[in-house]
N, C-alpha and C. Protein backbone atom coordinates (compact mmCIF):
# COMPACT_ATOMS: atom_id res chain seq x y z
N GLY A 1 102.89 138.60 73.30
CA GLY A 1 102.84 138.96 74.73
C GLY A 1 103.86 138.17 75.51
N THR A 2 103.89 138.37 76.80
CA THR A 2 104.84 137.64 77.64
C THR A 2 104.21 136.34 78.10
N GLY A 3 104.85 135.23 77.76
CA GLY A 3 104.32 133.91 78.13
C GLY A 3 104.76 133.53 79.52
N GLY A 4 103.79 133.09 80.33
CA GLY A 4 104.11 132.69 81.70
C GLY A 4 104.67 131.28 81.73
N GLU A 5 105.08 130.85 82.92
CA GLU A 5 105.66 129.53 83.07
C GLU A 5 104.59 128.44 83.05
N ASP A 6 103.35 128.83 83.32
CA ASP A 6 102.31 127.82 83.52
C ASP A 6 101.72 127.26 82.23
N GLY A 7 102.21 127.68 81.09
CA GLY A 7 101.75 127.07 79.85
C GLY A 7 100.42 127.62 79.38
N THR A 8 99.31 127.07 79.90
CA THR A 8 98.00 127.52 79.44
C THR A 8 97.48 128.63 80.35
N ALA A 9 97.02 129.71 79.74
CA ALA A 9 96.53 130.85 80.51
C ALA A 9 95.12 130.60 81.01
N GLN A 10 94.19 130.26 80.08
CA GLN A 10 92.81 130.05 80.51
C GLN A 10 92.54 128.57 80.73
N GLN A 11 91.60 128.28 81.62
CA GLN A 11 91.26 126.89 81.93
C GLN A 11 90.29 126.34 80.89
N PRO A 12 90.44 125.07 80.52
CA PRO A 12 89.49 124.46 79.60
C PRO A 12 88.12 124.38 80.27
N PRO A 13 87.05 124.49 79.50
CA PRO A 13 85.70 124.46 80.08
C PRO A 13 85.40 123.16 80.83
N GLN A 14 85.89 122.02 80.30
CA GLN A 14 85.66 120.74 80.98
C GLN A 14 86.80 120.54 81.98
N GLN A 15 86.48 120.74 83.25
CA GLN A 15 87.50 120.70 84.29
C GLN A 15 87.51 119.34 84.98
N GLU A 16 88.66 118.75 85.10
CA GLU A 16 88.76 117.46 85.79
C GLU A 16 88.64 117.67 87.30
N ALA A 17 88.29 116.61 88.00
CA ALA A 17 88.13 116.72 89.45
C ALA A 17 89.43 117.15 90.10
N VAL A 18 89.31 118.12 90.99
CA VAL A 18 90.49 118.61 91.70
C VAL A 18 91.08 117.48 92.52
N VAL A 19 90.21 116.81 93.27
CA VAL A 19 90.64 115.69 94.10
C VAL A 19 89.91 114.45 93.61
N SER A 20 90.65 113.50 93.06
CA SER A 20 90.02 112.30 92.54
C SER A 20 89.82 111.29 93.68
N PRO A 21 88.83 110.42 93.53
CA PRO A 21 88.62 109.38 94.55
C PRO A 21 89.89 108.55 94.78
N GLU A 22 90.63 108.30 93.68
CA GLU A 22 91.86 107.51 93.80
C GLU A 22 92.85 108.19 94.75
N LEU A 23 92.97 109.52 94.59
CA LEU A 23 93.87 110.26 95.47
C LEU A 23 93.45 110.12 96.91
N LEU A 24 92.14 110.21 97.13
CA LEU A 24 91.62 110.11 98.49
C LEU A 24 91.90 108.74 99.08
N VAL A 25 91.67 107.70 98.29
CA VAL A 25 91.91 106.35 98.77
C VAL A 25 93.38 106.18 99.15
N ASP A 26 94.26 106.70 98.29
CA ASP A 26 95.69 106.66 98.61
C ASP A 26 95.97 107.35 99.93
N ALA A 27 95.41 108.55 100.07
CA ALA A 27 95.64 109.32 101.28
C ALA A 27 95.11 108.60 102.51
N LEU A 28 93.89 108.04 102.38
CA LEU A 28 93.28 107.35 103.50
C LEU A 28 94.03 106.07 103.83
N SER A 29 94.71 105.52 102.83
CA SER A 29 95.48 104.29 103.06
C SER A 29 96.80 104.61 103.73
N GLY A 30 97.05 105.89 103.95
CA GLY A 30 98.28 106.28 104.62
C GLY A 30 99.44 106.53 103.68
N HIS A 31 99.15 106.61 102.36
CA HIS A 31 100.22 106.93 101.42
C HIS A 31 100.48 108.43 101.49
N GLU A 32 101.67 108.79 101.92
CA GLU A 32 101.96 110.20 102.11
C GLU A 32 101.88 110.97 100.80
N ASP A 33 102.28 110.33 99.70
CA ASP A 33 102.24 111.04 98.42
C ASP A 33 100.80 111.36 98.03
N GLY A 34 99.86 110.54 98.49
CA GLY A 34 98.45 110.82 98.23
C GLY A 34 98.03 112.10 98.91
N LEU A 35 98.42 112.23 100.18
CA LEU A 35 98.09 113.44 100.94
C LEU A 35 98.77 114.66 100.33
N LEU A 36 100.03 114.50 99.94
CA LEU A 36 100.76 115.62 99.35
C LEU A 36 100.13 116.05 98.04
N ALA A 37 99.72 115.06 97.24
CA ALA A 37 99.10 115.36 95.95
C ALA A 37 97.81 116.15 96.16
N ILE A 38 97.03 115.75 97.15
CA ILE A 38 95.78 116.47 97.43
C ILE A 38 96.09 117.90 97.86
N ALA A 39 97.06 118.05 98.74
CA ALA A 39 97.43 119.39 99.21
C ALA A 39 97.87 120.26 98.04
N GLU A 40 98.67 119.67 97.14
CA GLU A 40 99.16 120.42 95.98
C GLU A 40 98.01 120.83 95.08
N ARG A 41 97.09 119.90 94.83
CA ARG A 41 95.93 120.21 93.98
C ARG A 41 95.14 121.37 94.57
N LEU A 42 94.93 121.30 95.88
CA LEU A 42 94.13 122.34 96.54
C LEU A 42 94.85 123.69 96.44
N MET A 43 96.16 123.68 96.58
CA MET A 43 96.91 124.93 96.48
C MET A 43 96.82 125.49 95.07
N GLU A 44 96.89 124.60 94.07
CA GLU A 44 96.79 125.03 92.67
C GLU A 44 95.46 125.69 92.40
N HIS A 45 94.40 125.17 93.02
CA HIS A 45 93.06 125.68 92.76
C HIS A 45 92.62 126.66 93.84
N TYR A 46 93.59 127.16 94.60
CA TYR A 46 93.29 128.03 95.72
C TYR A 46 92.50 129.26 95.29
N ASP A 47 92.81 129.77 94.10
CA ASP A 47 92.13 130.98 93.63
C ASP A 47 90.64 130.75 93.42
N ALA A 48 90.23 129.50 93.27
CA ALA A 48 88.81 129.19 93.09
C ALA A 48 88.06 129.36 94.40
N GLY A 49 88.81 129.46 95.49
CA GLY A 49 88.19 129.70 96.79
C GLY A 49 87.93 128.42 97.59
N TYR A 50 87.65 128.63 98.85
CA TYR A 50 87.44 127.50 99.76
C TYR A 50 86.23 126.66 99.36
N ASP A 51 85.16 127.32 98.88
CA ASP A 51 83.95 126.59 98.52
C ASP A 51 84.24 125.53 97.47
N ALA A 52 84.94 125.92 96.42
CA ALA A 52 85.25 124.98 95.34
C ALA A 52 86.11 123.84 95.86
N MET A 53 87.07 124.17 96.72
CA MET A 53 87.96 123.16 97.28
C MET A 53 87.17 122.18 98.15
N GLY A 54 86.30 122.76 98.99
CA GLY A 54 85.49 121.91 99.87
C GLY A 54 84.59 120.99 99.07
N GLU A 55 83.95 121.56 98.05
CA GLU A 55 83.05 120.76 97.21
C GLU A 55 83.81 119.63 96.54
N ALA A 56 85.02 119.94 96.07
CA ALA A 56 85.83 118.93 95.39
C ALA A 56 86.10 117.76 96.33
N ILE A 57 86.44 118.07 97.57
CA ILE A 57 86.74 117.01 98.54
C ILE A 57 85.47 116.23 98.87
N ILE A 58 84.36 116.95 99.06
CA ILE A 58 83.11 116.28 99.40
C ILE A 58 82.67 115.35 98.27
N ASP A 59 82.81 115.83 97.01
CA ASP A 59 82.46 115.00 95.86
C ASP A 59 83.31 113.74 95.84
N ALA A 60 84.61 113.91 96.04
CA ALA A 60 85.52 112.77 96.00
C ALA A 60 85.16 111.79 97.11
N PHE A 61 84.84 112.32 98.29
CA PHE A 61 84.47 111.43 99.40
C PHE A 61 83.20 110.66 99.08
N ALA A 62 82.25 111.33 98.42
CA ALA A 62 81.00 110.66 98.05
C ALA A 62 81.31 109.48 97.13
N ASP A 63 82.23 109.70 96.17
CA ASP A 63 82.61 108.63 95.25
C ASP A 63 83.29 107.49 96.00
N VAL A 64 84.17 107.87 96.93
CA VAL A 64 84.88 106.86 97.71
C VAL A 64 83.89 106.05 98.54
N GLN A 65 82.89 106.75 99.10
CA GLN A 65 81.90 106.07 99.93
C GLN A 65 81.15 105.03 99.10
N LYS A 66 80.77 105.41 97.86
CA LYS A 66 80.08 104.46 96.98
C LYS A 66 80.97 103.26 96.72
N LEU A 67 82.25 103.55 96.48
CA LEU A 67 83.22 102.50 96.18
C LEU A 67 83.31 101.53 97.36
N PHE A 68 83.46 102.07 98.57
CA PHE A 68 83.57 101.23 99.75
C PHE A 68 82.30 100.42 99.96
N GLN A 69 81.15 101.06 99.66
CA GLN A 69 79.88 100.37 99.84
C GLN A 69 79.84 99.12 98.97
N HIS A 70 80.29 99.27 97.72
CA HIS A 70 80.32 98.12 96.80
C HIS A 70 81.26 97.05 97.34
N VAL A 71 82.41 97.48 97.82
CA VAL A 71 83.40 96.53 98.34
C VAL A 71 82.83 95.78 99.53
N VAL A 72 82.21 96.53 100.45
CA VAL A 72 81.64 95.91 101.64
C VAL A 72 80.52 94.93 101.29
N GLU A 73 79.66 95.36 100.35
CA GLU A 73 78.56 94.48 99.94
C GLU A 73 79.10 93.20 99.30
N ALA A 74 80.11 93.36 98.45
CA ALA A 74 80.70 92.20 97.79
C ALA A 74 81.32 91.27 98.83
N ALA A 75 82.05 91.85 99.77
CA ALA A 75 82.69 91.05 100.81
C ALA A 75 81.64 90.33 101.65
N HIS A 76 80.55 91.02 101.92
CA HIS A 76 79.47 90.44 102.72
C HIS A 76 78.89 89.23 102.01
N MET A 77 78.66 89.37 100.70
CA MET A 77 78.10 88.26 99.93
C MET A 77 79.06 87.10 99.89
N GLU A 78 80.35 87.42 99.69
CA GLU A 78 81.37 86.37 99.67
C GLU A 78 81.37 85.64 101.01
N GLY A 79 81.34 86.43 102.08
CA GLY A 79 81.37 85.85 103.43
C GLY A 79 80.18 84.96 103.69
N ALA A 80 79.02 85.42 103.25
CA ALA A 80 77.79 84.65 103.45
C ALA A 80 77.87 83.32 102.70
N ALA A 81 78.36 83.39 101.47
CA ALA A 81 78.49 82.17 100.67
C ALA A 81 79.48 81.21 101.32
N PHE A 82 80.57 81.77 101.83
CA PHE A 82 81.59 80.97 102.49
C PHE A 82 81.01 80.29 103.74
N GLU A 83 80.28 81.06 104.54
CA GLU A 83 79.64 80.52 105.75
C GLU A 83 78.69 79.37 105.39
N ALA A 84 77.89 79.58 104.36
CA ALA A 84 76.90 78.58 103.96
C ALA A 84 77.59 77.27 103.58
N SER A 85 78.64 77.37 102.79
CA SER A 85 79.33 76.14 102.36
C SER A 85 80.03 75.48 103.54
N ARG A 86 80.50 76.29 104.49
CA ARG A 86 81.17 75.73 105.65
C ARG A 86 80.17 74.97 106.52
N ARG A 87 78.99 75.56 106.68
CA ARG A 87 77.95 74.90 107.47
C ARG A 87 77.56 73.57 106.83
N GLU A 88 77.46 73.61 105.50
CA GLU A 88 77.10 72.40 104.77
C GLU A 88 78.11 71.30 105.05
N GLU A 89 79.39 71.68 105.02
CA GLU A 89 80.47 70.72 105.30
C GLU A 89 80.33 70.15 106.70
N GLU A 90 80.06 71.03 107.67
CA GLU A 90 79.91 70.58 109.05
C GLU A 90 78.76 69.59 109.20
N MET A 91 77.66 69.87 108.51
CA MET A 91 76.50 68.98 108.58
C MET A 91 76.86 67.62 108.01
N LYS A 92 77.60 67.62 106.91
CA LYS A 92 78.03 66.34 106.30
C LYS A 92 78.89 65.55 107.27
N GLN A 93 79.80 66.28 107.94
CA GLN A 93 80.69 65.61 108.91
C GLN A 93 79.88 65.01 110.06
N LEU A 94 78.91 65.77 110.54
CA LEU A 94 78.09 65.30 111.66
C LEU A 94 77.28 64.06 111.27
N LYS A 95 76.75 64.06 110.06
CA LYS A 95 75.93 62.94 109.60
C LYS A 95 76.78 61.66 109.48
N LYS A 96 78.06 61.85 109.13
CA LYS A 96 78.94 60.69 108.98
C LYS A 96 79.15 59.98 110.30
N GLN A 97 79.18 60.73 111.41
CA GLN A 97 79.48 60.12 112.71
C GLN A 97 78.39 59.17 113.18
């Protein structure tokens, strides 16, 4: 038959995420190539319809949200530990006077 330019005709059953959390983070960080990559992915999967595209973005955002939550929690714990040790230092200084 006539082979198209796109290589594979049918999609593999295990489909990778259209928009990965990494792409989203790049885009949200202001990396233009991140935004372009997302736009390209969405255009490639355009035939799947708006629903699939929207779901892909929502899924990726959910993953990003979890990621940020971990980062924020970790930073909070670090900050709390830092505050505690700083207060301890201040108390030592005050006692010396």
